[in-house]
């Protein structure tokens, strides 16, 4: 049986040549995604930061360390067990928020990643990832703690790890969100 690695590698190469938005002019590298190409869970953030832009790997800074800890403590998993990606594949200058046209330019890559990997659950981290996939303007605070469906796949919004670094008191919310993820994964495949 062919692995999903080949189409993912092909898509990665396409992204490396992408010039669909102005972020291609300031990036060091494309931060496409990382982890298990056959994962049950895809974690989706907003955009690479400076360390991610340098390494080419999503969530490697302080936010990434917290995400790794959340995976371990809440789900008993490592980064090698999941797939991690962002809505936008190139770092916005000065780590500013991704703009609407940048999200639109990159969203096709994420949708193809999801189609190739076929996870059992998506976890959106923060406002931009959640709003983009759910096509809503609703605030993340109103959306997290619930289960949604994106193209037939359960989607669980949660706080972005950078938000949790600034507001540690919200970490209990994330624990609750990860319990929703566990409940989804505990359901038998149909």
N, C-alpha and C. Protein backbone atom coordinates (compact mmCIF):
# COMPACT_ATOMS: atom_id res chain seq x y z
N UNK A 1 0.85 -1.18 0.00
CA UNK A 1 0.00 0.00 0.00
C UNK A 1 0.89 1.25 0.00
N UNK A 2 0.67 2.17 -0.94
CA UNK A 2 1.53 3.36 -0.98
C UNK A 2 1.29 4.25 0.24
N UNK A 3 2.36 4.84 0.72
CA UNK A 3 2.27 5.74 1.86
C UNK A 3 1.86 7.13 1.38
N UNK A 4 1.31 7.92 2.28
CA UNK A 4 0.90 9.28 1.91
C UNK A 4 2.09 10.23 1.90
N UNK A 5 3.30 9.71 2.13
CA UNK A 5 4.49 10.54 2.15
C UNK A 5 4.78 11.14 0.77
N UNK A 6 4.59 10.36 -0.28
CA UNK A 6 4.92 10.84 -1.62
C UNK A 6 4.09 12.05 -2.03
N UNK A 7 2.76 12.02 -1.96
CA UNK A 7 2.03 13.22 -2.34
C UNK A 7 2.31 14.40 -1.40
N UNK A 8 2.61 14.12 -0.15
CA UNK A 8 2.94 15.19 0.79
C UNK A 8 4.27 15.84 0.41
N UNK A 9 5.23 15.03 0.01
CA UNK A 9 6.52 15.57 -0.44
C UNK A 9 6.33 16.40 -1.70
N UNK A 10 5.50 15.93 -2.61
CA UNK A 10 5.24 16.67 -3.85
C UNK A 10 4.60 18.03 -3.54
N UNK A 11 3.64 18.04 -2.63
CA UNK A 11 2.98 19.27 -2.23
C UNK A 11 3.97 20.22 -1.54
N UNK A 12 4.87 19.66 -0.75
CA UNK A 12 5.89 20.47 -0.09
C UNK A 12 6.76 21.18 -1.13
N UNK A 13 7.16 20.46 -2.14
CA UNK A 13 7.98 21.07 -3.20
C UNK A 13 7.22 22.18 -3.92
N UNK A 14 5.93 21.99 -4.14
CA UNK A 14 5.12 23.05 -4.75
C UNK A 14 5.12 24.29 -3.86
N UNK A 15 4.97 24.09 -2.56
CA UNK A 15 4.93 25.22 -1.63
C UNK A 15 6.26 25.97 -1.61
N UNK A 16 7.37 25.24 -1.74
CA UNK A 16 8.68 25.89 -1.73
C UNK A 16 8.84 26.85 -2.90
N UNK A 17 8.13 26.61 -3.99
CA UNK A 17 8.21 27.51 -5.13
C UNK A 17 7.10 28.55 -5.16
N UNK A 18 6.27 28.58 -4.15
CA UNK A 18 5.09 29.45 -4.15
C UNK A 18 5.48 30.93 -4.08
N UNK A 19 4.81 31.71 -4.92
CA UNK A 19 4.95 33.16 -4.90
C UNK A 19 3.57 33.81 -4.97
N UNK A 20 2.58 33.15 -4.36
CA UNK A 20 1.18 33.60 -4.45
C UNK A 20 0.87 34.84 -3.62
N UNK A 21 1.73 35.17 -2.66
CA UNK A 21 1.51 36.38 -1.86
C UNK A 21 2.84 37.05 -1.56
N UNK A 22 2.79 38.20 -0.96
CA UNK A 22 3.99 39.00 -0.69
C UNK A 22 4.92 38.39 0.36
N UNK A 23 4.46 37.39 1.11
CA UNK A 23 5.33 36.78 2.13
C UNK A 23 6.52 36.05 1.51
N UNK A 24 6.40 35.66 0.25
CA UNK A 24 7.52 34.97 -0.41
C UNK A 24 8.74 35.89 -0.51
N UNK A 25 8.53 37.19 -0.48
CA UNK A 25 9.62 38.16 -0.63
C UNK A 25 10.46 38.31 0.65
N UNK A 26 9.88 37.96 1.80
CA UNK A 26 10.59 38.19 3.07
C UNK A 26 10.90 36.90 3.83
N UNK A 27 10.43 35.77 3.34
CA UNK A 27 10.68 34.51 4.07
C UNK A 27 12.13 34.06 3.91
N UNK A 28 12.59 33.32 4.92
CA UNK A 28 13.85 32.62 4.81
C UNK A 28 13.59 31.26 4.18
N UNK A 29 12.54 30.61 4.65
CA UNK A 29 12.15 29.31 4.11
C UNK A 29 10.64 29.13 4.26
N UNK A 30 10.11 28.18 3.54
CA UNK A 30 8.71 27.79 3.69
C UNK A 30 8.64 26.82 4.87
N UNK A 31 7.70 27.05 5.76
CA UNK A 31 7.49 26.16 6.91
C UNK A 31 6.22 25.38 6.60
N UNK A 32 6.39 24.26 5.92
CA UNK A 32 5.25 23.55 5.37
C UNK A 32 4.49 22.74 6.41
N UNK A 33 5.17 21.91 7.14
CA UNK A 33 4.53 21.06 8.15
C UNK A 33 5.56 20.07 8.66
N UNK A 34 5.21 19.34 9.71
CA UNK A 34 6.14 18.41 10.32
C UNK A 34 5.37 17.34 11.08
N UNK A 35 5.92 16.15 11.08
CA UNK A 35 5.33 15.09 11.89
C UNK A 35 4.97 13.87 11.07
N UNK A 36 4.04 13.11 11.61
CA UNK A 36 3.63 11.83 11.05
C UNK A 36 2.66 12.05 9.89
N UNK A 37 3.03 11.62 8.67
CA UNK A 37 2.14 11.81 7.53
C UNK A 37 0.90 10.92 7.57
N UNK A 38 0.84 10.02 8.54
CA UNK A 38 -0.33 9.15 8.72
C UNK A 38 -0.98 9.38 10.08
N UNK A 39 -0.84 10.59 10.59
CA UNK A 39 -1.31 10.92 11.94
C UNK A 39 -2.83 10.91 12.05
N UNK A 40 -3.30 10.62 13.25
CA UNK A 40 -4.73 10.73 13.56
C UNK A 40 -5.13 12.17 13.87
N UNK A 41 -4.14 13.00 14.25
CA UNK A 41 -4.42 14.38 14.64
C UNK A 41 -3.52 15.33 13.86
N UNK A 42 -4.12 16.40 13.34
CA UNK A 42 -3.33 17.51 12.80
C UNK A 42 -3.59 18.72 13.70
N UNK A 43 -2.51 19.30 14.21
CA UNK A 43 -2.58 20.55 14.95
C UNK A 43 -2.25 21.68 13.97
N UNK A 44 -3.08 22.72 13.96
CA UNK A 44 -2.93 23.79 12.98
C UNK A 44 -2.82 25.14 13.69
N UNK A 45 -1.70 25.80 13.48
CA UNK A 45 -1.48 27.13 14.02
C UNK A 45 -1.71 28.19 12.97
N UNK A 46 -1.22 29.40 13.25
CA UNK A 46 -1.50 30.51 12.33
C UNK A 46 -0.38 30.75 11.32
N UNK A 47 0.85 30.95 11.78
CA UNK A 47 1.96 31.28 10.89
C UNK A 47 3.27 31.02 11.60
N UNK A 48 4.34 30.79 10.83
CA UNK A 48 5.65 30.59 11.45
C UNK A 48 6.16 31.87 12.11
N UNK A 49 6.92 31.70 13.17
CA UNK A 49 7.63 32.80 13.79
C UNK A 49 9.07 32.81 13.32
N UNK A 50 9.90 33.60 13.97
CA UNK A 50 11.29 33.75 13.55
C UNK A 50 12.07 32.43 13.61
N UNK A 51 11.94 31.70 14.71
CA UNK A 51 12.68 30.44 14.85
C UNK A 51 12.19 29.40 13.84
N UNK A 52 10.90 29.40 13.58
CA UNK A 52 10.35 28.48 12.60
C UNK A 52 10.83 28.83 11.19
N UNK A 53 10.90 30.12 10.90
CA UNK A 53 11.38 30.59 9.60
C UNK A 53 12.84 30.18 9.38
N UNK A 54 13.61 30.18 10.43
CA UNK A 54 15.02 29.78 10.33
C UNK A 54 15.18 28.28 10.20
N UNK A 55 14.36 27.51 10.93
CA UNK A 55 14.51 26.05 10.94
C UNK A 55 13.69 25.33 9.88
N UNK A 56 12.60 25.95 9.42
CA UNK A 56 11.71 25.29 8.48
C UNK A 56 10.74 24.32 9.14
N UNK A 57 10.68 24.34 10.48
CA UNK A 57 9.82 23.41 11.24
C UNK A 57 8.83 24.23 12.07
N UNK A 58 7.54 23.88 12.01
CA UNK A 58 6.56 24.64 12.80
C UNK A 58 6.68 24.38 14.30
N UNK A 59 6.38 25.39 15.08
CA UNK A 59 6.30 25.29 16.54
C UNK A 59 7.59 24.74 17.16
N UNK A 60 8.70 25.47 16.98
CA UNK A 60 9.96 25.05 17.59
C UNK A 60 10.40 25.98 18.72
N UNK A 61 9.81 27.14 18.84
CA UNK A 61 10.17 28.08 19.90
C UNK A 61 9.47 27.74 21.20
N UNK A 62 9.27 28.75 22.03
CA UNK A 62 8.61 28.55 23.34
C UNK A 62 7.20 27.99 23.16
N UNK A 63 6.49 28.47 22.15
CA UNK A 63 5.14 27.94 21.89
C UNK A 63 5.21 26.46 21.53
N UNK A 64 6.22 26.10 20.76
CA UNK A 64 6.40 24.70 20.37
C UNK A 64 6.73 23.81 21.55
N UNK A 65 7.54 24.34 22.47
CA UNK A 65 7.86 23.57 23.68
C UNK A 65 6.60 23.32 24.50
N UNK A 66 5.75 24.35 24.59
CA UNK A 66 4.50 24.17 25.33
C UNK A 66 3.58 23.19 24.59
N UNK A 67 3.52 23.28 23.26
CA UNK A 67 2.70 22.33 22.50
C UNK A 67 3.19 20.91 22.73
N UNK A 68 4.49 20.69 22.72
CA UNK A 68 5.05 19.35 22.97
C UNK A 68 4.66 18.86 24.36
N UNK A 69 4.70 19.75 25.34
CA UNK A 69 4.32 19.38 26.71
C UNK A 69 2.82 19.04 26.78
N UNK A 70 1.99 19.83 26.07
CA UNK A 70 0.55 19.56 26.03
C UNK A 70 0.28 18.19 25.41
N UNK A 71 0.99 17.88 24.33
CA UNK A 71 0.82 16.57 23.68
C UNK A 71 1.12 15.45 24.66
N UNK A 72 2.22 15.59 25.38
CA UNK A 72 2.65 14.56 26.32
C UNK A 72 1.68 14.44 27.49
N UNK A 73 1.42 15.55 28.16
CA UNK A 73 0.63 15.52 29.39
C UNK A 73 -0.85 15.22 29.12
N UNK A 74 -1.42 15.84 28.10
CA UNK A 74 -2.86 15.71 27.86
C UNK A 74 -3.23 14.50 27.01
N UNK A 75 -2.35 14.13 26.08
CA UNK A 75 -2.72 13.07 25.13
C UNK A 75 -1.78 11.87 25.16
N UNK A 76 -0.67 11.97 25.90
CA UNK A 76 0.29 10.87 25.93
C UNK A 76 0.97 10.65 24.58
N UNK A 77 1.15 11.73 23.83
CA UNK A 77 1.73 11.65 22.49
C UNK A 77 2.98 12.51 22.39
N UNK A 78 3.74 12.28 21.33
CA UNK A 78 4.89 13.13 21.01
C UNK A 78 4.62 13.81 19.67
N UNK A 79 5.49 14.72 19.30
CA UNK A 79 5.38 15.38 18.00
C UNK A 79 5.44 14.38 16.85
N UNK A 80 6.14 13.26 17.06
CA UNK A 80 6.24 12.24 16.01
C UNK A 80 4.94 11.49 15.79
N UNK A 81 4.01 11.60 16.74
CA UNK A 81 2.72 10.92 16.63
C UNK A 81 1.68 11.73 15.89
N UNK A 82 1.89 13.04 15.78
CA UNK A 82 0.90 13.94 15.20
C UNK A 82 1.52 14.67 14.01
N UNK A 83 0.70 15.43 13.32
CA UNK A 83 1.20 16.29 12.25
C UNK A 83 0.91 17.73 12.67
N UNK A 84 1.87 18.62 12.43
CA UNK A 84 1.73 20.02 12.83
C UNK A 84 1.94 20.91 11.61
N UNK A 85 1.01 21.83 11.41
CA UNK A 85 1.08 22.74 10.27
C UNK A 85 0.56 24.11 10.69
N UNK A 86 0.59 25.03 9.76
CA UNK A 86 0.05 26.38 9.96
C UNK A 86 -0.85 26.74 8.80
N UNK A 87 -1.72 27.70 9.04
CA UNK A 87 -2.56 28.25 7.97
C UNK A 87 -1.67 28.90 6.92
N UNK A 88 -0.72 29.73 7.35
CA UNK A 88 0.20 30.44 6.46
C UNK A 88 1.56 29.75 6.57
N UNK A 89 2.18 29.50 5.44
CA UNK A 89 3.42 28.72 5.41
C UNK A 89 4.70 29.56 5.48
N UNK A 90 4.57 30.87 5.39
CA UNK A 90 5.72 31.77 5.44
C UNK A 90 5.53 32.78 6.58
N UNK A 91 6.64 33.17 7.19
CA UNK A 91 6.58 34.09 8.32
C UNK A 91 6.17 35.50 7.89
N UNK A 92 5.11 36.03 8.50
CA UNK A 92 4.81 37.45 8.28
C UNK A 92 5.90 38.31 8.93
N UNK A 93 6.30 39.42 8.29
CA UNK A 93 7.35 40.27 8.85
C UNK A 93 7.03 40.70 10.28
N UNK A 94 8.06 40.70 11.11
CA UNK A 94 7.94 41.11 12.51
C UNK A 94 6.91 40.29 13.29
N UNK A 95 6.62 39.09 12.81
CA UNK A 95 5.63 38.20 13.44
C UNK A 95 4.25 38.83 13.55
N UNK A 96 3.92 39.72 12.62
CA UNK A 96 2.59 40.32 12.62
C UNK A 96 1.55 39.24 12.30
N UNK A 97 0.28 39.57 12.54
CA UNK A 97 -0.80 38.65 12.20
C UNK A 97 -0.84 38.42 10.69
N UNK A 98 -1.18 37.22 10.26
CA UNK A 98 -1.34 37.01 8.82
C UNK A 98 -2.53 37.80 8.30
N UNK A 99 -2.38 38.35 7.10
CA UNK A 99 -3.45 39.13 6.49
C UNK A 99 -4.35 38.22 5.68
N UNK A 100 -5.57 38.71 5.42
CA UNK A 100 -6.57 37.91 4.73
C UNK A 100 -6.12 37.35 3.40
N UNK A 101 -5.44 38.16 2.58
CA UNK A 101 -4.99 37.67 1.27
C UNK A 101 -3.90 36.61 1.41
N UNK A 102 -3.09 36.71 2.47
CA UNK A 102 -2.05 35.70 2.72
C UNK A 102 -2.68 34.38 3.14
N UNK A 103 -3.70 34.45 3.97
CA UNK A 103 -4.41 33.24 4.39
C UNK A 103 -5.06 32.58 3.18
N UNK A 104 -5.73 33.36 2.35
CA UNK A 104 -6.39 32.82 1.15
C UNK A 104 -5.35 32.17 0.23
N UNK A 105 -4.19 32.82 0.06
CA UNK A 105 -3.15 32.29 -0.83
C UNK A 105 -2.60 30.95 -0.35
N UNK A 106 -2.57 30.74 0.95
CA UNK A 106 -1.97 29.53 1.53
C UNK A 106 -2.98 28.44 1.88
N UNK A 107 -4.22 28.78 2.03
CA UNK A 107 -5.21 27.83 2.55
C UNK A 107 -5.32 26.56 1.70
N UNK A 108 -5.11 26.69 0.42
CA UNK A 108 -5.17 25.51 -0.46
C UNK A 108 -4.14 24.45 -0.08
N UNK A 109 -2.95 24.90 0.34
CA UNK A 109 -1.93 23.94 0.77
C UNK A 109 -2.39 23.16 2.00
N UNK A 110 -2.95 23.88 2.97
CA UNK A 110 -3.42 23.21 4.18
C UNK A 110 -4.55 22.24 3.86
N UNK A 111 -5.48 22.65 3.02
CA UNK A 111 -6.59 21.76 2.65
C UNK A 111 -6.07 20.48 1.99
N UNK A 112 -5.04 20.61 1.15
CA UNK A 112 -4.46 19.42 0.51
C UNK A 112 -3.72 18.57 1.54
N UNK A 113 -3.03 19.20 2.49
CA UNK A 113 -2.38 18.43 3.56
C UNK A 113 -3.41 17.58 4.29
N UNK A 114 -4.54 18.20 4.62
CA UNK A 114 -5.61 17.48 5.33
C UNK A 114 -6.14 16.33 4.48
N UNK A 115 -6.35 16.56 3.19
CA UNK A 115 -6.85 15.51 2.29
C UNK A 115 -5.87 14.34 2.19
N UNK A 116 -4.57 14.66 2.13
CA UNK A 116 -3.55 13.61 2.01
C UNK A 116 -3.44 12.81 3.31
N UNK A 117 -3.37 13.49 4.43
CA UNK A 117 -3.15 12.82 5.72
C UNK A 117 -4.41 12.11 6.21
N UNK A 118 -5.57 12.68 5.95
CA UNK A 118 -6.86 12.11 6.37
C UNK A 118 -6.88 11.81 7.88
N UNK A 119 -6.71 12.84 8.70
CA UNK A 119 -6.70 12.62 10.15
C UNK A 119 -8.10 12.31 10.68
N UNK A 120 -8.13 11.83 11.89
CA UNK A 120 -9.41 11.58 12.55
C UNK A 120 -9.92 12.83 13.25
N UNK A 121 -9.02 13.78 13.54
CA UNK A 121 -9.42 15.02 14.21
C UNK A 121 -8.43 16.13 13.86
N UNK A 122 -8.97 17.34 13.75
CA UNK A 122 -8.18 18.55 13.55
C UNK A 122 -8.25 19.37 14.83
N UNK A 123 -7.12 19.92 15.26
CA UNK A 123 -7.10 20.83 16.40
C UNK A 123 -6.56 22.16 15.89
N UNK A 124 -7.41 23.17 15.89
CA UNK A 124 -6.97 24.50 15.47
C UNK A 124 -6.49 25.26 16.70
N UNK A 125 -5.33 25.87 16.56
CA UNK A 125 -4.71 26.58 17.67
C UNK A 125 -4.80 28.08 17.42
N UNK A 126 -5.76 28.71 18.07
CA UNK A 126 -5.90 30.14 17.97
C UNK A 126 -6.93 30.61 16.96
N UNK A 127 -7.08 31.90 16.94
CA UNK A 127 -8.12 32.57 16.17
C UNK A 127 -8.01 32.35 14.67
N UNK A 128 -6.83 32.56 14.10
CA UNK A 128 -6.70 32.56 12.64
C UNK A 128 -6.98 31.19 12.04
N UNK A 129 -6.41 30.14 12.62
CA UNK A 129 -6.65 28.80 12.10
C UNK A 129 -8.12 28.42 12.24
N UNK A 130 -8.69 28.72 13.38
CA UNK A 130 -10.08 28.38 13.64
C UNK A 130 -11.02 29.13 12.71
N UNK A 131 -10.84 30.44 12.61
CA UNK A 131 -11.72 31.23 11.76
C UNK A 131 -11.59 30.85 10.29
N UNK A 132 -10.37 30.55 9.85
CA UNK A 132 -10.16 30.20 8.44
C UNK A 132 -10.87 28.89 8.07
N UNK A 133 -10.71 27.87 8.90
CA UNK A 133 -11.30 26.58 8.56
C UNK A 133 -12.81 26.55 8.80
N UNK A 134 -13.28 27.27 9.80
CA UNK A 134 -14.72 27.28 10.06
C UNK A 134 -15.44 28.39 9.30
N UNK A 135 -14.67 29.21 8.58
CA UNK A 135 -15.23 30.31 7.80
C UNK A 135 -16.18 31.16 8.65
N UNK A 136 -15.61 31.68 9.73
CA UNK A 136 -16.38 32.49 10.67
C UNK A 136 -15.55 33.66 11.15
N UNK A 137 -16.21 34.66 11.68
CA UNK A 137 -15.54 35.79 12.33
C UNK A 137 -15.67 35.68 13.84
N UNK A 138 -16.34 34.63 14.32
CA UNK A 138 -16.56 34.44 15.75
C UNK A 138 -15.22 34.35 16.48
N UNK A 139 -15.16 34.88 17.68
CA UNK A 139 -13.95 34.88 18.48
C UNK A 139 -13.62 33.47 18.97
N UNK A 140 -12.33 33.20 19.10
CA UNK A 140 -11.88 31.88 19.55
C UNK A 140 -12.43 31.55 20.94
N UNK A 141 -12.57 32.55 21.79
CA UNK A 141 -13.11 32.32 23.13
C UNK A 141 -14.53 31.77 23.11
N UNK A 142 -15.28 32.08 22.07
CA UNK A 142 -16.65 31.57 21.94
C UNK A 142 -16.67 30.20 21.25
N UNK A 143 -15.63 29.88 20.50
CA UNK A 143 -15.59 28.65 19.72
C UNK A 143 -14.91 27.49 20.44
N UNK A 144 -13.90 27.78 21.23
CA UNK A 144 -13.15 26.70 21.88
C UNK A 144 -14.03 26.00 22.92
N UNK A 145 -13.68 24.77 23.20
CA UNK A 145 -14.47 23.99 24.15
C UNK A 145 -15.62 23.26 23.48
N UNK A 146 -15.68 23.33 22.14
CA UNK A 146 -16.75 22.67 21.39
C UNK A 146 -16.15 21.86 20.25
N UNK A 147 -16.95 20.97 19.73
CA UNK A 147 -16.54 20.18 18.57
C UNK A 147 -17.31 20.67 17.35
N UNK A 148 -16.58 20.88 16.27
CA UNK A 148 -17.17 21.27 14.99
C UNK A 148 -16.79 20.21 13.96
N UNK A 149 -17.24 20.39 12.74
CA UNK A 149 -16.88 19.46 11.67
C UNK A 149 -16.35 20.27 10.49
N UNK A 150 -15.21 19.86 9.98
CA UNK A 150 -14.64 20.46 8.79
C UNK A 150 -14.49 19.36 7.73
N UNK A 151 -15.26 19.46 6.66
CA UNK A 151 -15.21 18.49 5.56
C UNK A 151 -15.27 17.05 6.08
N UNK A 152 -16.19 16.81 7.00
CA UNK A 152 -16.41 15.47 7.54
C UNK A 152 -15.46 15.07 8.66
N UNK A 153 -14.54 15.95 9.04
CA UNK A 153 -13.55 15.64 10.08
C UNK A 153 -13.86 16.47 11.32
N UNK A 154 -13.93 15.84 12.49
CA UNK A 154 -14.13 16.62 13.72
C UNK A 154 -13.02 17.66 13.88
N UNK A 155 -13.39 18.84 14.30
CA UNK A 155 -12.46 19.95 14.50
C UNK A 155 -12.67 20.50 15.90
N UNK A 156 -11.58 20.60 16.66
CA UNK A 156 -11.64 21.11 18.03
C UNK A 156 -10.76 22.37 18.12
N UNK A 157 -11.38 23.54 18.28
CA UNK A 157 -10.59 24.76 18.47
C UNK A 157 -10.02 24.84 19.88
N UNK A 158 -8.82 25.38 19.98
CA UNK A 158 -8.21 25.57 21.29
C UNK A 158 -7.36 26.84 21.25
N UNK A 159 -6.89 27.24 22.43
CA UNK A 159 -6.02 28.41 22.51
C UNK A 159 -4.70 28.12 21.83
N UNK A 160 -4.10 29.15 21.25
CA UNK A 160 -2.75 29.03 20.68
C UNK A 160 -1.77 28.97 21.85
N UNK A 161 -0.72 28.15 21.76
CA UNK A 161 0.25 28.07 22.85
C UNK A 161 0.87 29.42 23.23
N UNK A 162 1.04 30.32 22.27
CA UNK A 162 1.60 31.64 22.62
C UNK A 162 0.64 32.41 23.53
N UNK A 163 -0.66 32.22 23.34
CA UNK A 163 -1.65 32.83 24.23
C UNK A 163 -1.52 32.23 25.63
N UNK A 164 -1.32 30.93 25.70
CA UNK A 164 -1.18 30.26 27.00
C UNK A 164 0.09 30.68 27.73
N UNK A 165 1.12 31.03 26.97
CA UNK A 165 2.34 31.54 27.61
C UNK A 165 2.09 32.89 28.27
N UNK A 166 1.22 33.69 27.66
CA UNK A 166 0.90 35.01 28.22
C UNK A 166 -0.18 34.92 29.29
N UNK A 167 -1.04 33.91 29.19
CA UNK A 167 -2.15 33.74 30.13
C UNK A 167 -2.22 32.30 30.63
N UNK A 168 -1.30 31.93 31.51
CA UNK A 168 -1.23 30.54 31.98
C UNK A 168 -2.52 30.04 32.63
N UNK A 169 -3.34 30.97 33.13
CA UNK A 169 -4.58 30.54 33.79
C UNK A 169 -5.56 29.91 32.80
N UNK A 170 -5.32 30.07 31.50
CA UNK A 170 -6.20 29.48 30.48
C UNK A 170 -5.79 28.06 30.11
N UNK A 171 -4.72 27.56 30.70
CA UNK A 171 -4.25 26.21 30.36
C UNK A 171 -5.28 25.14 30.70
N UNK A 172 -6.08 25.37 31.76
CA UNK A 172 -7.13 24.38 32.09
C UNK A 172 -8.14 24.26 30.96
N UNK A 173 -8.40 25.36 30.24
CA UNK A 173 -9.29 25.30 29.08
C UNK A 173 -8.72 24.34 28.04
N UNK A 174 -7.41 24.42 27.83
CA UNK A 174 -6.77 23.55 26.84
C UNK A 174 -6.84 22.10 27.26
N UNK A 175 -6.69 21.83 28.55
CA UNK A 175 -6.83 20.46 29.05
C UNK A 175 -8.23 19.93 28.70
N UNK A 176 -9.24 20.77 28.89
CA UNK A 176 -10.62 20.37 28.56
C UNK A 176 -10.77 20.14 27.05
N UNK A 177 -10.14 21.00 26.25
CA UNK A 177 -10.20 20.82 24.79
C UNK A 177 -9.56 19.49 24.39
N UNK A 178 -8.44 19.14 25.02
CA UNK A 178 -7.76 17.89 24.68
C UNK A 178 -8.58 16.67 25.12
N UNK A 179 -9.41 16.85 26.15
CA UNK A 179 -10.32 15.75 26.54
C UNK A 179 -11.34 15.51 25.44
N UNK A 180 -11.78 16.57 24.77
CA UNK A 180 -12.70 16.41 23.64
C UNK A 180 -11.99 15.62 22.53
N UNK A 181 -10.72 15.94 22.29
CA UNK A 181 -9.93 15.22 21.28
C UNK A 181 -9.84 13.74 21.66
N UNK A 182 -9.55 13.45 22.93
CA UNK A 182 -9.47 12.05 23.40
C UNK A 182 -10.80 11.32 23.17
N UNK A 183 -11.91 12.00 23.46
CA UNK A 183 -13.22 11.38 23.27
C UNK A 183 -13.46 11.05 21.79
N UNK A 184 -13.05 11.93 20.91
CA UNK A 184 -13.21 11.68 19.48
C UNK A 184 -12.38 10.48 19.06
N UNK A 185 -11.13 10.42 19.52
CA UNK A 185 -10.24 9.32 19.15
C UNK A 185 -10.68 8.00 19.76
N UNK A 186 -11.41 8.06 20.87
CA UNK A 186 -11.88 6.83 21.52
C UNK A 186 -13.06 6.20 20.79
N UNK A 187 -13.72 6.97 19.94
CA UNK A 187 -14.86 6.43 19.20
C UNK A 187 -14.37 5.44 18.16
N UNK A 188 -15.09 4.35 17.98
CA UNK A 188 -14.68 3.37 16.97
C UNK A 188 -14.77 3.96 15.57
N UNK A 189 -13.84 3.54 14.71
CA UNK A 189 -13.89 3.95 13.31
C UNK A 189 -15.09 3.29 12.64
N UNK A 190 -15.78 4.05 11.80
CA UNK A 190 -16.94 3.47 11.12
C UNK A 190 -16.66 3.27 9.65
